[in-house]
Every structure is written in C-alpha cells, then in structure tokens.
C-alpha cells in the first residue's frame, strides 16, 4: 500500500496491491489522516485494480462506520478505480452508504476518475517514487 498527498492540488492518491485485509485498510486510513498534509485533501483517488480484497461485507460495513465519523464537506470527492467484480461490489456498498452518496464513484480507469474529481491526472501523478509506503 502506498499513498501520496499533493497539497497544492488538494489531492490524495493511494494505490493498493496484493492481498488486502481489513487491518491493512484501517492502517492505511490511520496513516493517511495522520499525515500533516491531510488537512488539504478534498479529492481522493484509490487505485485498487491490482488488489485482492480479503474483506467480507460485514468487515467493510464495520469499516464504513469508522469512515463515516470523519465528516467531509460537500466539496469532497473520492474516486475508486477498480476493474474486477468483487472489489467493484464492495466499492458499490461504500458508495451507497448514506454519508457517501454523491461523494464516491467507481471507475475502471484514470481519465474517468479525473473527470469526476474535476482534475487533470496523468501517469506522472502515479509515479511510485513520489509515494510513501505503508506496511511491509
């Protein structure tokens, strides 16, 4: 798991790869919101195309309760990029949660996610040498 905050663009990008369980998602969330630059974040891109989510619907529901405590303003947007059925289904569950309606949407690629966020995103924004690593 890696992430990057670009304060001048109010943007957080995180990329998840490999087997991802609930504890790892919680760790990612804690590290990201603890980053001093997180106060600038108004747009998030989560690229989970290379992740194998080892999370049950019940676990995700519990995690959504944690996320729901962090109230975001109306201008906050979160784009999730995924291209396989199970992560898409879990993302739809998150998207359908009361606190995230019209805030989260799901995409299969960067261009559509960028349009939803109202940002220009390029492959250079996903240059892993600029990301911080979380966990192993």
N, C-alpha and C. Protein backbone atom coordinates (compact mmCIF):
# COMPACT_ATOMS: atom_id res chain seq x y z
N UNK A 1 0.85 -1.16 0.00
CA UNK A 1 0.00 0.00 0.00
C UNK A 1 0.90 1.23 0.00
N UNK A 2 0.58 2.15 -0.89
CA UNK A 2 1.34 3.39 -0.96
C UNK A 2 0.35 4.54 -1.12
N UNK A 3 0.79 5.73 -0.71
CA UNK A 3 -0.06 6.90 -0.89
C UNK A 3 0.79 8.14 -1.12
N UNK A 4 0.13 9.14 -1.66
CA UNK A 4 0.77 10.42 -1.93
C UNK A 4 -0.26 11.51 -1.75
N UNK A 5 0.11 12.55 -1.02
CA UNK A 5 -0.74 13.73 -0.89
C UNK A 5 -0.06 14.86 -1.66
N UNK A 6 -0.82 15.51 -2.51
CA UNK A 6 -0.34 16.66 -3.27
C UNK A 6 -1.14 17.87 -2.75
N UNK A 7 -0.61 18.55 -1.72
CA UNK A 7 -1.38 19.60 -1.05
C UNK A 7 -1.85 20.72 -1.97
N UNK A 8 -1.01 21.12 -2.91
CA UNK A 8 -1.37 22.24 -3.78
C UNK A 8 -2.53 21.90 -4.72
N UNK A 9 -2.82 20.61 -4.86
CA UNK A 9 -3.95 20.17 -5.69
C UNK A 9 -5.08 19.58 -4.83
N UNK A 10 -4.91 19.64 -3.50
CA UNK A 10 -5.91 19.09 -2.57
C UNK A 10 -6.20 17.62 -2.87
N UNK A 11 -5.17 16.87 -3.22
CA UNK A 11 -5.34 15.53 -3.76
C UNK A 11 -4.57 14.49 -2.95
N UNK A 12 -5.24 13.37 -2.70
CA UNK A 12 -4.64 12.18 -2.11
C UNK A 12 -4.81 11.05 -3.11
N UNK A 13 -3.71 10.37 -3.42
CA UNK A 13 -3.75 9.19 -4.28
C UNK A 13 -3.23 8.03 -3.46
N UNK A 14 -4.00 6.94 -3.39
CA UNK A 14 -3.46 5.74 -2.78
C UNK A 14 -3.61 4.57 -3.75
N UNK A 15 -2.65 3.66 -3.66
CA UNK A 15 -2.60 2.51 -4.55
C UNK A 15 -2.45 1.27 -3.67
N UNK A 16 -3.35 0.32 -3.86
CA UNK A 16 -3.32 -0.93 -3.11
C UNK A 16 -3.03 -2.06 -4.07
N UNK A 17 -2.10 -2.93 -3.67
CA UNK A 17 -1.73 -4.08 -4.49
C UNK A 17 -1.62 -5.32 -3.60
N UNK A 18 -1.85 -6.47 -4.20
CA UNK A 18 -1.72 -7.73 -3.47
C UNK A 18 -2.91 -7.97 -2.56
N UNK A 19 -2.72 -8.89 -1.62
CA UNK A 19 -3.78 -9.24 -0.68
C UNK A 19 -3.97 -8.12 0.33
N UNK A 20 -5.19 -7.61 0.44
CA UNK A 20 -5.52 -6.51 1.35
C UNK A 20 -6.63 -6.98 2.28
N UNK A 21 -6.36 -6.92 3.58
CA UNK A 21 -7.38 -7.29 4.56
C UNK A 21 -7.86 -6.05 5.31
N UNK A 22 -8.80 -6.24 6.20
CA UNK A 22 -9.40 -5.12 6.93
C UNK A 22 -8.36 -4.37 7.76
N UNK A 23 -7.49 -5.07 8.43
CA UNK A 23 -6.48 -4.41 9.27
C UNK A 23 -5.58 -3.51 8.43
N UNK A 24 -5.27 -3.94 7.23
CA UNK A 24 -4.44 -3.13 6.34
C UNK A 24 -5.18 -1.85 5.91
N UNK A 25 -6.48 -1.97 5.61
CA UNK A 25 -7.27 -0.79 5.26
C UNK A 25 -7.32 0.19 6.42
N UNK A 26 -7.51 -0.34 7.62
CA UNK A 26 -7.54 0.52 8.82
C UNK A 26 -6.21 1.23 9.00
N UNK A 27 -5.11 0.49 8.81
CA UNK A 27 -3.78 1.07 8.94
C UNK A 27 -3.58 2.19 7.91
N UNK A 28 -3.99 1.95 6.68
CA UNK A 28 -3.88 2.96 5.63
C UNK A 28 -4.65 4.22 6.02
N UNK A 29 -5.87 4.05 6.48
CA UNK A 29 -6.71 5.18 6.88
C UNK A 29 -6.06 5.99 8.00
N UNK A 30 -5.56 5.31 9.02
CA UNK A 30 -4.93 6.00 10.15
C UNK A 30 -3.69 6.77 9.71
N UNK A 31 -2.85 6.13 8.90
CA UNK A 31 -1.63 6.80 8.43
C UNK A 31 -1.98 8.02 7.57
N UNK A 32 -2.92 7.87 6.67
CA UNK A 32 -3.28 8.99 5.80
C UNK A 32 -3.85 10.17 6.57
N UNK A 33 -4.79 9.92 7.48
CA UNK A 33 -5.39 11.06 8.20
C UNK A 33 -4.43 11.65 9.21
N UNK A 34 -3.36 10.92 9.57
CA UNK A 34 -2.35 11.44 10.49
C UNK A 34 -1.28 12.27 9.77
N UNK A 35 -1.24 12.18 8.46
CA UNK A 35 -0.26 12.95 7.68
C UNK A 35 -0.61 14.44 7.81
N UNK A 36 0.36 15.28 8.14
CA UNK A 36 0.09 16.72 8.31
C UNK A 36 -0.54 17.37 7.07
N UNK A 37 -0.27 16.85 5.89
CA UNK A 37 -0.84 17.42 4.67
C UNK A 37 -2.27 16.98 4.41
N UNK A 38 -2.80 16.06 5.22
CA UNK A 38 -4.16 15.57 5.01
C UNK A 38 -5.20 16.69 5.14
N UNK A 39 -4.90 17.72 5.90
CA UNK A 39 -5.86 18.83 6.07
C UNK A 39 -6.22 19.48 4.74
N UNK A 40 -5.37 19.34 3.75
CA UNK A 40 -5.61 19.94 2.43
C UNK A 40 -6.46 19.06 1.51
N UNK A 41 -6.65 17.82 1.86
CA UNK A 41 -7.27 16.84 0.95
C UNK A 41 -8.76 17.13 0.76
N UNK A 42 -9.15 17.27 -0.52
CA UNK A 42 -10.55 17.41 -0.92
C UNK A 42 -10.91 16.42 -2.02
N UNK A 43 -9.87 15.79 -2.61
CA UNK A 43 -10.06 14.82 -3.67
C UNK A 43 -9.21 13.59 -3.37
N UNK A 44 -9.79 12.41 -3.56
CA UNK A 44 -9.06 11.16 -3.32
C UNK A 44 -9.24 10.24 -4.52
N UNK A 45 -8.14 9.61 -4.91
CA UNK A 45 -8.18 8.55 -5.92
C UNK A 45 -7.60 7.31 -5.25
N UNK A 46 -8.38 6.24 -5.21
CA UNK A 46 -7.91 4.96 -4.70
C UNK A 46 -7.87 3.98 -5.87
N UNK A 47 -6.67 3.57 -6.22
CA UNK A 47 -6.49 2.61 -7.32
C UNK A 47 -6.33 1.22 -6.71
N UNK A 48 -7.37 0.40 -6.86
CA UNK A 48 -7.36 -0.94 -6.28
C UNK A 48 -7.38 -2.01 -7.36
N UNK A 49 -6.98 -1.65 -8.58
CA UNK A 49 -7.02 -2.61 -9.69
C UNK A 49 -6.11 -3.81 -9.48
N UNK A 50 -5.02 -3.65 -8.74
CA UNK A 50 -4.08 -4.75 -8.53
C UNK A 50 -4.22 -5.35 -7.12
N UNK A 51 -5.31 -5.02 -6.44
CA UNK A 51 -5.53 -5.52 -5.09
C UNK A 51 -6.46 -6.73 -5.11
N UNK A 52 -6.20 -7.63 -4.23
CA UNK A 52 -7.07 -8.78 -3.99
C UNK A 52 -7.67 -8.54 -2.61
N UNK A 53 -8.91 -8.06 -2.58
CA UNK A 53 -9.53 -7.70 -1.31
C UNK A 53 -9.96 -8.94 -0.55
N UNK A 54 -9.40 -9.12 0.63
CA UNK A 54 -9.73 -10.23 1.51
C UNK A 54 -10.58 -9.68 2.66
N UNK A 55 -11.69 -9.08 2.28
CA UNK A 55 -12.56 -8.38 3.22
C UNK A 55 -13.98 -8.89 3.01
N UNK A 56 -14.67 -9.17 4.10
CA UNK A 56 -16.07 -9.60 4.00
C UNK A 56 -16.97 -8.37 3.97
N UNK A 57 -18.19 -8.58 3.56
CA UNK A 57 -19.17 -7.49 3.55
C UNK A 57 -19.36 -6.96 4.97
N UNK A 58 -19.41 -7.84 5.95
CA UNK A 58 -19.55 -7.41 7.36
C UNK A 58 -18.37 -6.56 7.80
N UNK A 59 -17.16 -6.98 7.45
CA UNK A 59 -15.97 -6.19 7.81
C UNK A 59 -16.01 -4.82 7.14
N UNK A 60 -16.41 -4.79 5.87
CA UNK A 60 -16.48 -3.50 5.19
C UNK A 60 -17.55 -2.62 5.82
N UNK A 61 -18.67 -3.19 6.21
CA UNK A 61 -19.72 -2.41 6.87
C UNK A 61 -19.21 -1.80 8.16
N UNK A 62 -18.44 -2.55 8.93
CA UNK A 62 -17.85 -2.02 10.17
C UNK A 62 -16.86 -0.90 9.86
N UNK A 63 -16.06 -1.08 8.81
CA UNK A 63 -15.09 -0.06 8.42
C UNK A 63 -15.79 1.21 7.95
N UNK A 64 -16.91 1.06 7.26
CA UNK A 64 -17.67 2.22 6.80
C UNK A 64 -18.12 3.06 8.00
N UNK A 65 -18.46 2.40 9.09
CA UNK A 65 -18.84 3.14 10.30
C UNK A 65 -17.70 4.02 10.79
N UNK A 66 -16.47 3.52 10.70
CA UNK A 66 -15.29 4.31 11.10
C UNK A 66 -15.12 5.48 10.15
N UNK A 67 -15.21 5.22 8.85
CA UNK A 67 -15.06 6.29 7.86
C UNK A 67 -16.14 7.35 8.01
N UNK A 68 -17.33 6.94 8.36
CA UNK A 68 -18.45 7.88 8.47
C UNK A 68 -18.27 8.89 9.59
N UNK A 69 -17.40 8.59 10.54
CA UNK A 69 -17.16 9.52 11.65
C UNK A 69 -16.34 10.72 11.20
N UNK A 70 -15.60 10.56 10.09
CA UNK A 70 -14.78 11.66 9.57
C UNK A 70 -15.64 12.44 8.59
N UNK A 71 -16.36 13.44 9.09
CA UNK A 71 -17.27 14.22 8.26
C UNK A 71 -16.48 15.08 7.29
N UNK A 72 -16.86 15.01 6.04
CA UNK A 72 -16.23 15.78 4.98
C UNK A 72 -17.20 16.85 4.51
N UNK A 73 -16.64 17.94 3.99
CA UNK A 73 -17.51 18.99 3.47
C UNK A 73 -18.11 18.56 2.14
N UNK A 74 -19.04 19.33 1.65
CA UNK A 74 -19.80 18.99 0.45
C UNK A 74 -18.90 18.92 -0.79
N UNK A 75 -17.74 19.55 -0.75
CA UNK A 75 -16.85 19.60 -1.91
C UNK A 75 -15.93 18.38 -2.00
N UNK A 76 -16.00 17.48 -1.05
CA UNK A 76 -15.13 16.31 -1.03
C UNK A 76 -15.59 15.29 -2.07
N UNK A 77 -14.63 14.70 -2.81
CA UNK A 77 -14.92 13.67 -3.80
C UNK A 77 -13.88 12.55 -3.70
N UNK A 78 -14.35 11.30 -3.90
CA UNK A 78 -13.47 10.13 -3.80
C UNK A 78 -13.76 9.22 -5.00
N UNK A 79 -12.75 9.02 -5.83
CA UNK A 79 -12.86 8.13 -6.99
C UNK A 79 -12.13 6.83 -6.70
N UNK A 80 -12.82 5.72 -6.89
CA UNK A 80 -12.23 4.41 -6.70
C UNK A 80 -12.06 3.78 -8.08
N UNK A 81 -10.83 3.37 -8.39
CA UNK A 81 -10.55 2.74 -9.68
C UNK A 81 -10.39 1.25 -9.46
N UNK A 82 -11.25 0.47 -10.10
CA UNK A 82 -11.23 -0.98 -9.98
C UNK A 82 -11.76 -1.59 -11.27
N UNK A 83 -11.39 -2.82 -11.52
CA UNK A 83 -11.84 -3.44 -12.77
C UNK A 83 -12.18 -4.93 -12.61
N UNK A 84 -12.44 -5.35 -11.38
CA UNK A 84 -12.84 -6.74 -11.16
C UNK A 84 -14.11 -6.77 -10.32
N UNK A 85 -14.87 -7.85 -10.41
CA UNK A 85 -16.21 -7.89 -9.79
C UNK A 85 -16.27 -7.68 -8.28
N UNK A 86 -15.49 -8.43 -7.50
CA UNK A 86 -15.63 -8.33 -6.04
C UNK A 86 -15.25 -6.95 -5.50
N UNK A 87 -14.10 -6.39 -5.90
CA UNK A 87 -13.79 -5.03 -5.44
C UNK A 87 -14.83 -4.00 -5.91
N UNK A 88 -15.37 -4.21 -7.09
CA UNK A 88 -16.42 -3.30 -7.58
C UNK A 88 -17.65 -3.39 -6.69
N UNK A 89 -18.05 -4.60 -6.34
CA UNK A 89 -19.22 -4.79 -5.48
C UNK A 89 -19.00 -4.15 -4.11
N UNK A 90 -17.82 -4.36 -3.53
CA UNK A 90 -17.54 -3.74 -2.22
C UNK A 90 -17.52 -2.22 -2.35
N UNK A 91 -16.98 -1.70 -3.44
CA UNK A 91 -16.95 -0.25 -3.66
C UNK A 91 -18.37 0.30 -3.80
N UNK A 92 -19.24 -0.46 -4.44
CA UNK A 92 -20.64 -0.04 -4.59
C UNK A 92 -21.33 0.02 -3.23
N UNK A 93 -20.99 -0.91 -2.35
CA UNK A 93 -21.54 -0.88 -1.00
C UNK A 93 -21.12 0.41 -0.29
N UNK A 94 -19.85 0.77 -0.42
CA UNK A 94 -19.35 2.00 0.17
C UNK A 94 -20.03 3.22 -0.45
N UNK A 95 -20.13 3.23 -1.77
CA UNK A 95 -20.76 4.34 -2.49
C UNK A 95 -22.21 4.54 -2.07
N UNK A 96 -22.91 3.45 -1.78
CA UNK A 96 -24.32 3.53 -1.44
C UNK A 96 -24.61 3.91 0.00
N UNK A 97 -23.56 4.07 0.80
CA UNK A 97 -23.75 4.45 2.20
C UNK A 97 -24.21 5.90 2.28
N UNK A 98 -25.13 6.17 3.17
CA UNK A 98 -25.75 7.50 3.28
C UNK A 98 -24.74 8.65 3.26
N UNK A 99 -23.68 8.54 4.02
CA UNK A 99 -22.70 9.64 4.11
C UNK A 99 -21.87 9.81 2.85
N UNK A 100 -21.92 8.85 1.92
CA UNK A 100 -21.05 8.91 0.75
C UNK A 100 -21.79 9.04 -0.58
N UNK A 101 -23.13 9.12 -0.53
CA UNK A 101 -23.89 9.30 -1.76
C UNK A 101 -23.47 10.62 -2.40
N UNK A 102 -23.21 10.60 -3.68
CA UNK A 102 -22.74 11.76 -4.46
C UNK A 102 -21.33 12.21 -4.12
N UNK A 103 -20.62 11.46 -3.29
CA UNK A 103 -19.25 11.79 -2.92
C UNK A 103 -18.28 10.78 -3.53
N UNK A 104 -18.70 9.52 -3.55
CA UNK A 104 -17.86 8.44 -4.07
C UNK A 104 -18.43 7.94 -5.39
N UNK A 105 -17.53 7.65 -6.33
CA UNK A 105 -17.96 6.95 -7.53
C UNK A 105 -16.86 5.97 -7.94
N UNK A 106 -17.22 5.04 -8.81
CA UNK A 106 -16.35 3.92 -9.16
C UNK A 106 -16.05 3.97 -10.65
N UNK A 107 -14.78 3.76 -10.99
CA UNK A 107 -14.35 3.87 -12.38
C UNK A 107 -13.39 2.74 -12.72
N UNK A 108 -13.21 2.51 -14.04
CA UNK A 108 -12.28 1.47 -14.47
C UNK A 108 -10.96 2.06 -14.96
N UNK A 109 -10.85 3.39 -14.99
CA UNK A 109 -9.61 3.99 -15.45
C UNK A 109 -9.40 5.40 -14.92
N UNK A 110 -8.20 5.89 -15.09
CA UNK A 110 -7.81 7.20 -14.57
C UNK A 110 -8.57 8.35 -15.25
N UNK A 111 -8.76 8.38 -16.58
CA UNK A 111 -9.43 9.53 -17.20
C UNK A 111 -10.83 9.80 -16.65
N UNK A 112 -11.63 8.76 -16.48
CA UNK A 112 -12.99 8.94 -15.96
C UNK A 112 -12.96 9.38 -14.50
N UNK A 113 -12.04 8.83 -13.72
CA UNK A 113 -11.90 9.24 -12.32
C UNK A 113 -11.51 10.71 -12.24
N UNK A 114 -10.59 11.14 -13.09
CA UNK A 114 -10.15 12.53 -13.12
C UNK A 114 -11.30 13.46 -13.45
N UNK A 115 -12.13 13.08 -14.42
CA UNK A 115 -13.29 13.91 -14.80
C UNK A 115 -14.25 14.06 -13.62
N UNK A 116 -14.52 12.97 -12.91
CA UNK A 116 -15.40 13.03 -11.73
C UNK A 116 -14.84 13.97 -10.67
N UNK A 117 -13.52 13.94 -10.49
CA UNK A 117 -12.88 14.78 -9.48
C UNK A 117 -12.69 16.22 -9.94
N UNK A 118 -12.85 16.46 -11.22
CA UNK A 118 -12.63 17.79 -11.76
C UNK A 118 -11.16 18.16 -11.79
N UNK A 119 -10.31 17.15 -12.00
CA UNK A 119 -8.86 17.34 -12.01
C UNK A 119 -8.26 16.78 -13.28
N UNK A 120 -7.09 17.25 -13.60
CA UNK A 120 -6.30 16.62 -14.64
C UNK A 120 -5.34 15.67 -13.94
N UNK A 121 -5.36 14.42 -14.32
CA UNK A 121 -4.46 13.42 -13.77
C UNK A 121 -3.68 12.79 -14.91
N UNK A 122 -2.41 12.55 -14.67
CA UNK A 122 -1.59 11.90 -15.67
C UNK A 122 -0.84 10.74 -15.02
N UNK A 123 -0.20 9.96 -15.82
CA UNK A 123 0.59 8.84 -15.30
C UNK A 123 1.68 9.34 -14.34
N UNK A 124 2.19 10.55 -14.56
CA UNK A 124 3.24 11.08 -13.67
C UNK A 124 2.71 11.29 -12.25
N UNK A 125 1.41 11.51 -12.09
CA UNK A 125 0.82 11.63 -10.75
C UNK A 125 0.89 10.30 -10.00
N UNK A 126 1.05 9.20 -10.74
CA UNK A 126 1.10 7.87 -10.16
C UNK A 126 2.53 7.31 -10.12
N UNK A 127 3.52 8.20 -10.25
CA UNK A 127 4.93 7.82 -10.17
C UNK A 127 5.23 7.35 -8.75
N UNK A 128 5.45 6.05 -8.58
CA UNK A 128 5.58 5.47 -7.25
C UNK A 128 6.78 6.00 -6.46
N UNK A 129 7.75 6.59 -7.13
CA UNK A 129 8.91 7.13 -6.41
C UNK A 129 8.51 8.33 -5.55
N UNK A 130 7.33 8.89 -5.78
CA UNK A 130 6.85 10.04 -5.02
C UNK A 130 5.87 9.64 -3.92
N UNK A 131 5.64 8.33 -3.77
CA UNK A 131 4.66 7.84 -2.81
C UNK A 131 5.35 7.41 -1.51
N UNK A 132 4.56 7.41 -0.44
CA UNK A 132 5.01 6.89 0.85
C UNK A 132 4.47 5.47 0.99
N UNK A 133 5.30 4.57 1.47
CA UNK A 133 4.90 3.18 1.63
C UNK A 133 4.34 2.97 3.03
N UNK A 134 3.30 2.14 3.11
CA UNK A 134 2.68 1.79 4.38
C UNK A 134 2.78 0.28 4.55
N UNK A 135 3.20 -0.15 5.68
CA UNK A 135 3.29 -1.58 5.95
C UNK A 135 4.49 -2.21 5.30
N UNK A 136 4.41 -3.54 5.11
CA UNK A 136 5.56 -4.30 4.57
C UNK A 136 5.83 -3.96 3.15
